[in-house]
Amino acid sequence: MGTDWDSFVEQARQSLKEDGMEISVAIKTPGAYNAVTGKTEDADPDIYTTHGVVTNYEVETDALISPEDVQIITHAGLKSNPLPDLLNKKNLELIAAGKTYEVINVKAISPAGVVIIYKFQAREIDSG
């Protein structure tokens, strides 16, 4: 008898919804090229809403993790409404608790190829 990975996905979603906060995932894509200005116009990002938690890293010094980096963990969504595949996406931003974060790295926790949660290494974008 195989493992019902969908039940793990649902359990992660339920736990993060109950104990976490709403998090928006913004996938920014380049807009159309403007021949008059010679620049690419900004396009509206694709926004997906999920739930998750924001935590600090527990390492004091690491070459890959800056002191201001946070770890954001989100569920991967449901079969009926999944997040898109976020691995290898560029220009990802996360919005949580009124703060916007640039995604430095993303990992999928996916036993048997079923994405249950995403772990993001993120850095707050200076709003000034």
N, C-alpha and C. Protein backbone atom coordinates (compact mmCIF):
# COMPACT_ATOMS: atom_id res chain seq x y z
N MET A 1 0.85 -1.18 0.00
CA MET A 1 0.00 0.00 0.00
C MET A 1 0.89 1.24 0.00
N GLY A 2 0.61 2.15 -0.90
CA GLY A 2 1.42 3.35 -1.04
C GLY A 2 1.04 4.43 -0.04
N THR A 3 1.90 5.40 0.06
CA THR A 3 1.66 6.53 0.97
C THR A 3 0.74 7.53 0.28
N ASP A 4 -0.21 8.04 1.01
CA ASP A 4 -1.14 9.05 0.49
C ASP A 4 -0.51 10.43 0.70
N TRP A 5 0.31 10.86 -0.28
CA TRP A 5 1.02 12.12 -0.14
C TRP A 5 0.07 13.31 -0.15
N ASP A 6 -1.08 13.16 -0.81
CA ASP A 6 -2.04 14.27 -0.81
C ASP A 6 -2.51 14.60 0.60
N SER A 7 -2.58 13.60 1.47
CA SER A 7 -2.99 13.87 2.85
C SER A 7 -1.91 14.68 3.58
N PHE A 8 -0.63 14.46 3.23
CA PHE A 8 0.46 15.25 3.80
C PHE A 8 0.37 16.70 3.32
N VAL A 9 0.04 16.87 2.04
CA VAL A 9 -0.13 18.22 1.49
C VAL A 9 -1.25 18.94 2.23
N GLU A 10 -2.36 18.26 2.42
CA GLU A 10 -3.50 18.86 3.11
C GLU A 10 -3.17 19.16 4.57
N GLN A 11 -2.44 18.27 5.22
CA GLN A 11 -2.06 18.49 6.62
C GLN A 11 -1.14 19.71 6.73
N ALA A 12 -0.17 19.85 5.82
CA ALA A 12 0.72 21.03 5.82
C ALA A 12 -0.09 22.30 5.58
N ARG A 13 -1.00 22.25 4.62
CA ARG A 13 -1.82 23.42 4.31
C ARG A 13 -2.64 23.83 5.53
N GLN A 14 -3.27 22.86 6.17
CA GLN A 14 -4.12 23.15 7.33
C GLN A 14 -3.30 23.72 8.48
N SER A 15 -2.15 23.13 8.77
CA SER A 15 -1.31 23.60 9.88
C SER A 15 -0.82 25.02 9.63
N LEU A 16 -0.34 25.28 8.41
CA LEU A 16 0.18 26.62 8.10
C LEU A 16 -0.94 27.66 8.04
N LYS A 17 -2.12 27.24 7.66
CA LYS A 17 -3.25 28.18 7.66
C LYS A 17 -3.66 28.53 9.08
N GLU A 18 -3.68 27.54 9.96
CA GLU A 18 -4.08 27.77 11.36
C GLU A 18 -3.03 28.55 12.14
N ASP A 19 -1.77 28.20 11.97
CA ASP A 19 -0.70 28.77 12.80
C ASP A 19 0.13 29.84 12.11
N GLY A 20 -0.07 30.02 10.82
CA GLY A 20 0.73 30.97 10.07
C GLY A 20 -0.04 32.21 9.69
N MET A 21 0.38 32.80 8.60
CA MET A 21 -0.24 34.03 8.10
C MET A 21 -0.40 33.92 6.59
N GLU A 22 -1.19 34.81 6.04
CA GLU A 22 -1.35 34.85 4.59
C GLU A 22 -0.08 35.40 3.97
N ILE A 23 0.38 34.73 2.93
CA ILE A 23 1.59 35.14 2.21
C ILE A 23 1.27 35.18 0.73
N SER A 24 1.64 36.27 0.09
CA SER A 24 1.46 36.39 -1.36
C SER A 24 2.78 36.10 -2.05
N VAL A 25 2.70 35.31 -3.10
CA VAL A 25 3.86 34.99 -3.93
C VAL A 25 3.67 35.75 -5.23
N ALA A 26 4.60 36.65 -5.54
CA ALA A 26 4.54 37.45 -6.76
C ALA A 26 5.60 36.96 -7.73
N ILE A 27 5.16 36.54 -8.91
CA ILE A 27 6.09 36.12 -9.95
C ILE A 27 6.11 37.25 -10.98
N LYS A 28 7.23 37.94 -11.00
CA LYS A 28 7.37 39.09 -11.90
C LYS A 28 7.91 38.62 -13.24
N THR A 29 7.25 39.03 -14.30
CA THR A 29 7.70 38.70 -15.65
C THR A 29 7.96 39.99 -16.41
N PRO A 30 8.93 39.96 -17.34
CA PRO A 30 9.20 41.17 -18.11
C PRO A 30 7.98 41.54 -18.97
N GLY A 31 7.78 42.82 -19.12
CA GLY A 31 6.69 43.29 -19.94
C GLY A 31 7.11 43.41 -21.40
N ALA A 32 6.36 44.16 -22.14
CA ALA A 32 6.62 44.34 -23.57
C ALA A 32 7.73 45.37 -23.78
N TYR A 33 8.44 45.21 -24.85
CA TYR A 33 9.50 46.15 -25.23
C TYR A 33 8.85 47.38 -25.83
N ASN A 34 9.28 48.57 -25.38
CA ASN A 34 8.79 49.84 -25.90
C ASN A 34 9.86 50.39 -26.83
N ALA A 35 9.58 50.39 -28.12
CA ALA A 35 10.56 50.84 -29.11
C ALA A 35 10.85 52.34 -29.00
N VAL A 36 9.90 53.11 -28.49
CA VAL A 36 10.09 54.55 -28.36
C VAL A 36 11.11 54.86 -27.27
N THR A 37 10.96 54.21 -26.12
CA THR A 37 11.86 54.48 -24.99
C THR A 37 13.10 53.57 -25.02
N GLY A 38 13.00 52.47 -25.75
CA GLY A 38 14.12 51.52 -25.79
C GLY A 38 14.22 50.68 -24.53
N LYS A 39 13.15 50.63 -23.75
CA LYS A 39 13.17 49.89 -22.49
C LYS A 39 12.03 48.88 -22.45
N THR A 40 12.18 47.91 -21.60
CA THR A 40 11.11 46.95 -21.36
C THR A 40 10.20 47.50 -20.29
N GLU A 41 8.93 47.57 -20.59
CA GLU A 41 7.94 48.09 -19.64
C GLU A 41 7.71 47.05 -18.54
N ASP A 42 7.39 47.52 -17.34
CA ASP A 42 7.06 46.61 -16.25
C ASP A 42 5.69 45.99 -16.51
N ALA A 43 5.59 44.69 -16.32
CA ALA A 43 4.31 44.00 -16.42
C ALA A 43 3.77 43.75 -15.02
N ASP A 44 2.47 43.60 -14.92
CA ASP A 44 1.88 43.25 -13.63
C ASP A 44 2.31 41.84 -13.26
N PRO A 45 2.75 41.64 -12.02
CA PRO A 45 3.16 40.28 -11.62
C PRO A 45 1.95 39.36 -11.46
N ASP A 46 2.21 38.07 -11.60
CA ASP A 46 1.20 37.06 -11.28
C ASP A 46 1.26 36.86 -9.76
N ILE A 47 0.12 37.01 -9.08
CA ILE A 47 0.08 36.91 -7.63
C ILE A 47 -0.68 35.64 -7.22
N TYR A 48 -0.07 34.88 -6.33
CA TYR A 48 -0.69 33.68 -5.77
C TYR A 48 -0.71 33.84 -4.26
N THR A 49 -1.79 33.42 -3.63
CA THR A 49 -1.91 33.55 -2.18
C THR A 49 -1.84 32.17 -1.54
N THR A 50 -1.07 32.10 -0.46
CA THR A 50 -0.90 30.85 0.28
C THR A 50 -0.81 31.22 1.76
N HIS A 51 -0.46 30.28 2.58
CA HIS A 51 -0.24 30.54 4.00
C HIS A 51 1.11 29.99 4.40
N GLY A 52 1.72 30.61 5.39
CA GLY A 52 3.03 30.16 5.82
C GLY A 52 3.50 30.87 7.07
N VAL A 53 4.78 30.64 7.37
CA VAL A 53 5.41 31.25 8.54
C VAL A 53 6.72 31.89 8.12
N VAL A 54 7.09 32.93 8.86
CA VAL A 54 8.36 33.63 8.66
C VAL A 54 9.19 33.42 9.91
N THR A 55 10.40 32.90 9.73
CA THR A 55 11.29 32.66 10.88
C THR A 55 12.68 33.18 10.57
N ASN A 56 13.43 33.44 11.63
CA ASN A 56 14.83 33.80 11.46
C ASN A 56 15.67 32.54 11.36
N TYR A 57 16.80 32.65 10.70
CA TYR A 57 17.73 31.53 10.65
C TYR A 57 18.45 31.44 11.99
N GLU A 58 18.83 30.24 12.37
CA GLU A 58 19.51 30.03 13.65
C GLU A 58 21.02 29.90 13.49
N VAL A 59 21.56 30.34 12.36
CA VAL A 59 23.01 30.30 12.15
C VAL A 59 23.57 31.70 12.40
N GLU A 60 24.74 31.75 13.01
CA GLU A 60 25.34 33.05 13.28
C GLU A 60 26.12 33.56 12.08
N THR A 61 26.88 32.68 11.45
CA THR A 61 27.69 33.08 10.32
C THR A 61 27.62 32.01 9.25
N ASP A 62 27.29 32.42 8.05
CA ASP A 62 27.24 31.50 6.93
C ASP A 62 27.52 32.32 5.68
N ALA A 63 28.31 31.77 4.79
CA ALA A 63 28.67 32.49 3.58
C ALA A 63 27.47 32.72 2.68
N LEU A 64 26.45 31.86 2.77
CA LEU A 64 25.30 31.97 1.88
C LEU A 64 24.09 32.63 2.51
N ILE A 65 24.10 32.77 3.82
CA ILE A 65 22.96 33.37 4.52
C ILE A 65 23.41 34.63 5.23
N SER A 66 22.81 35.75 4.86
CA SER A 66 23.12 37.03 5.50
C SER A 66 22.34 37.15 6.81
N PRO A 67 22.84 37.96 7.75
CA PRO A 67 22.14 38.10 9.03
C PRO A 67 20.69 38.61 8.89
N GLU A 68 20.41 39.36 7.83
CA GLU A 68 19.06 39.90 7.67
C GLU A 68 18.12 38.94 6.93
N ASP A 69 18.62 37.80 6.47
CA ASP A 69 17.78 36.84 5.76
C ASP A 69 16.80 36.16 6.71
N VAL A 70 15.64 35.82 6.17
CA VAL A 70 14.64 35.07 6.91
C VAL A 70 14.28 33.82 6.10
N GLN A 71 13.72 32.86 6.80
CA GLN A 71 13.21 31.66 6.14
C GLN A 71 11.69 31.76 6.13
N ILE A 72 11.11 31.59 4.97
CA ILE A 72 9.65 31.62 4.84
C ILE A 72 9.23 30.25 4.32
N ILE A 73 8.32 29.63 5.05
CA ILE A 73 7.84 28.31 4.68
C ILE A 73 6.36 28.42 4.31
N THR A 74 6.01 27.94 3.11
CA THR A 74 4.62 27.96 2.66
C THR A 74 4.21 26.57 2.22
N HIS A 75 2.92 26.35 2.23
CA HIS A 75 2.43 25.08 1.66
C HIS A 75 2.37 25.24 0.15
N ALA A 76 2.28 24.12 -0.55
CA ALA A 76 2.35 24.13 -2.01
C ALA A 76 0.99 24.29 -2.67
N GLY A 77 -0.05 24.40 -1.89
CA GLY A 77 -1.38 24.53 -2.46
C GLY A 77 -2.05 23.18 -2.60
N LEU A 78 -3.27 23.21 -3.05
CA LEU A 78 -4.06 21.98 -3.21
C LEU A 78 -4.05 21.54 -4.66
N LYS A 79 -4.42 20.29 -4.89
CA LYS A 79 -4.51 19.79 -6.26
C LYS A 79 -5.42 20.68 -7.10
N SER A 80 -6.52 21.13 -6.50
CA SER A 80 -7.48 21.95 -7.23
C SER A 80 -6.99 23.39 -7.42
N ASN A 81 -6.02 23.83 -6.62
CA ASN A 81 -5.53 25.20 -6.70
C ASN A 81 -4.06 25.25 -6.26
N PRO A 82 -3.15 24.59 -7.01
CA PRO A 82 -1.75 24.54 -6.58
C PRO A 82 -1.00 25.83 -6.91
N LEU A 83 0.06 26.07 -6.16
CA LEU A 83 1.00 27.11 -6.57
C LEU A 83 1.70 26.59 -7.81
N PRO A 84 2.14 27.47 -8.70
CA PRO A 84 2.91 26.98 -9.84
C PRO A 84 4.27 26.46 -9.34
N ASP A 85 4.96 25.74 -10.18
CA ASP A 85 6.30 25.26 -9.84
C ASP A 85 7.19 26.48 -9.62
N LEU A 86 7.66 26.66 -8.40
CA LEU A 86 8.44 27.86 -8.07
C LEU A 86 9.94 27.65 -8.17
N LEU A 87 10.36 26.42 -8.41
CA LEU A 87 11.78 26.17 -8.57
C LEU A 87 12.22 26.74 -9.92
N ASN A 88 13.41 27.28 -9.95
CA ASN A 88 14.00 27.85 -11.17
C ASN A 88 13.26 29.08 -11.69
N LYS A 89 12.40 29.66 -10.88
CA LYS A 89 11.75 30.92 -11.27
C LYS A 89 12.64 32.07 -10.85
N LYS A 90 12.73 33.06 -11.67
CA LYS A 90 13.49 34.25 -11.33
C LYS A 90 12.49 35.35 -10.98
N ASN A 91 12.97 36.35 -10.28
CA ASN A 91 12.14 37.51 -9.94
C ASN A 91 10.94 37.16 -9.08
N LEU A 92 11.17 36.33 -8.08
CA LEU A 92 10.11 36.01 -7.13
C LEU A 92 10.16 36.99 -5.96
N GLU A 93 9.01 37.41 -5.52
CA GLU A 93 8.90 38.23 -4.32
C GLU A 93 7.81 37.62 -3.45
N LEU A 94 7.96 37.77 -2.14
CA LEU A 94 6.97 37.32 -1.18
C LEU A 94 6.51 38.52 -0.37
N ILE A 95 5.23 38.58 -0.09
CA ILE A 95 4.68 39.65 0.74
C ILE A 95 4.05 38.99 1.96
N ALA A 96 4.57 39.33 3.14
CA ALA A 96 4.09 38.75 4.39
C ALA A 96 4.11 39.82 5.48
N ALA A 97 3.04 39.95 6.21
CA ALA A 97 2.93 40.90 7.32
C ALA A 97 3.32 42.31 6.90
N GLY A 98 2.91 42.71 5.71
CA GLY A 98 3.16 44.07 5.24
C GLY A 98 4.57 44.32 4.75
N LYS A 99 5.41 43.31 4.70
CA LYS A 99 6.78 43.46 4.23
C LYS A 99 6.95 42.69 2.93
N THR A 100 7.79 43.24 2.05
CA THR A 100 8.08 42.58 0.78
C THR A 100 9.49 42.02 0.83
N TYR A 101 9.63 40.77 0.40
CA TYR A 101 10.90 40.06 0.45
C TYR A 101 11.31 39.61 -0.95
N GLU A 102 12.59 39.75 -1.23
CA GLU A 102 13.19 39.20 -2.44
C GLU A 102 13.58 37.75 -2.13
N VAL A 103 13.28 36.84 -3.03
CA VAL A 103 13.64 35.44 -2.83
C VAL A 103 15.08 35.23 -3.29
N ILE A 104 15.91 34.76 -2.38
CA ILE A 104 17.31 34.47 -2.68
C ILE A 104 17.43 33.03 -3.17
N ASN A 105 16.70 32.12 -2.51
CA ASN A 105 16.77 30.70 -2.86
C ASN A 105 15.43 30.07 -2.49
N VAL A 106 15.06 29.03 -3.20
CA VAL A 106 13.84 28.29 -2.88
C VAL A 106 14.11 26.80 -3.03
N LYS A 107 13.59 26.05 -2.06
CA LYS A 107 13.69 24.59 -2.09
C LYS A 107 12.30 24.01 -1.92
N ALA A 108 12.04 22.94 -2.64
CA ALA A 108 10.78 22.23 -2.48
C ALA A 108 11.02 20.99 -1.64
N ILE A 109 10.20 20.78 -0.64
CA ILE A 109 10.22 19.53 0.11
C ILE A 109 9.20 18.64 -0.59
N SER A 110 9.73 17.64 -1.30
CA SER A 110 8.87 16.86 -2.19
C SER A 110 9.20 15.37 -2.17
N PRO A 111 8.79 14.69 -1.11
CA PRO A 111 8.99 13.24 -1.10
C PRO A 111 8.16 12.60 -2.22
N ALA A 112 8.75 11.65 -2.90
CA ALA A 112 8.08 10.94 -4.00
C ALA A 112 7.62 11.88 -5.10
N GLY A 113 8.27 13.03 -5.22
CA GLY A 113 7.94 13.97 -6.28
C GLY A 113 6.70 14.81 -6.05
N VAL A 114 6.10 14.72 -4.87
CA VAL A 114 4.90 15.51 -4.54
C VAL A 114 5.35 16.67 -3.66
N VAL A 115 5.22 17.90 -4.18
CA VAL A 115 5.64 19.07 -3.41
C VAL A 115 4.65 19.29 -2.27
N ILE A 116 5.20 19.28 -1.04
CA ILE A 116 4.36 19.49 0.15
C ILE A 116 4.52 20.93 0.64
N ILE A 117 5.77 21.37 0.79
CA ILE A 117 6.02 22.75 1.21
C ILE A 117 7.18 23.32 0.41
N TYR A 118 7.23 24.64 0.38
CA TYR A 118 8.37 25.37 -0.18
C TYR A 118 9.08 26.07 0.98
N LYS A 119 10.41 26.04 0.95
CA LYS A 119 11.23 26.79 1.91
C LYS A 119 11.98 27.86 1.12
N PHE A 120 11.74 29.10 1.50
CA PHE A 120 12.37 30.23 0.83
C PHE A 120 13.43 30.85 1.73
N GLN A 121 14.56 31.18 1.17
CA GLN A 121 15.51 32.08 1.81
C GLN A 121 15.18 33.44 1.22
N ALA A 122 14.82 34.39 2.07
CA ALA A 122 14.34 35.68 1.56
C ALA A 122 14.99 36.83 2.32
N ARG A 123 15.03 37.96 1.65
CA ARG A 123 15.62 39.18 2.22
C ARG A 123 14.65 40.33 2.00
N GLU A 124 14.38 41.07 3.07
CA GLU A 124 13.44 42.18 2.97
C GLU A 124 13.97 43.22 1.98
N ILE A 125 13.06 43.69 1.14
CA ILE A 125 13.41 44.74 0.18
C ILE A 125 13.26 46.08 0.87
N ASP A 126 14.28 46.90 0.76
CA ASP A 126 14.26 48.22 1.39
C ASP A 126 13.13 49.05 0.76
N SER A 127 12.21 49.48 1.58
CA SER A 127 11.07 50.24 1.08
C SER A 127 11.38 51.72 0.97
N GLY A 128 12.58 52.12 1.32
CA GLY A 128 12.94 53.52 1.29
C GLY A 128 13.45 53.91 0.00
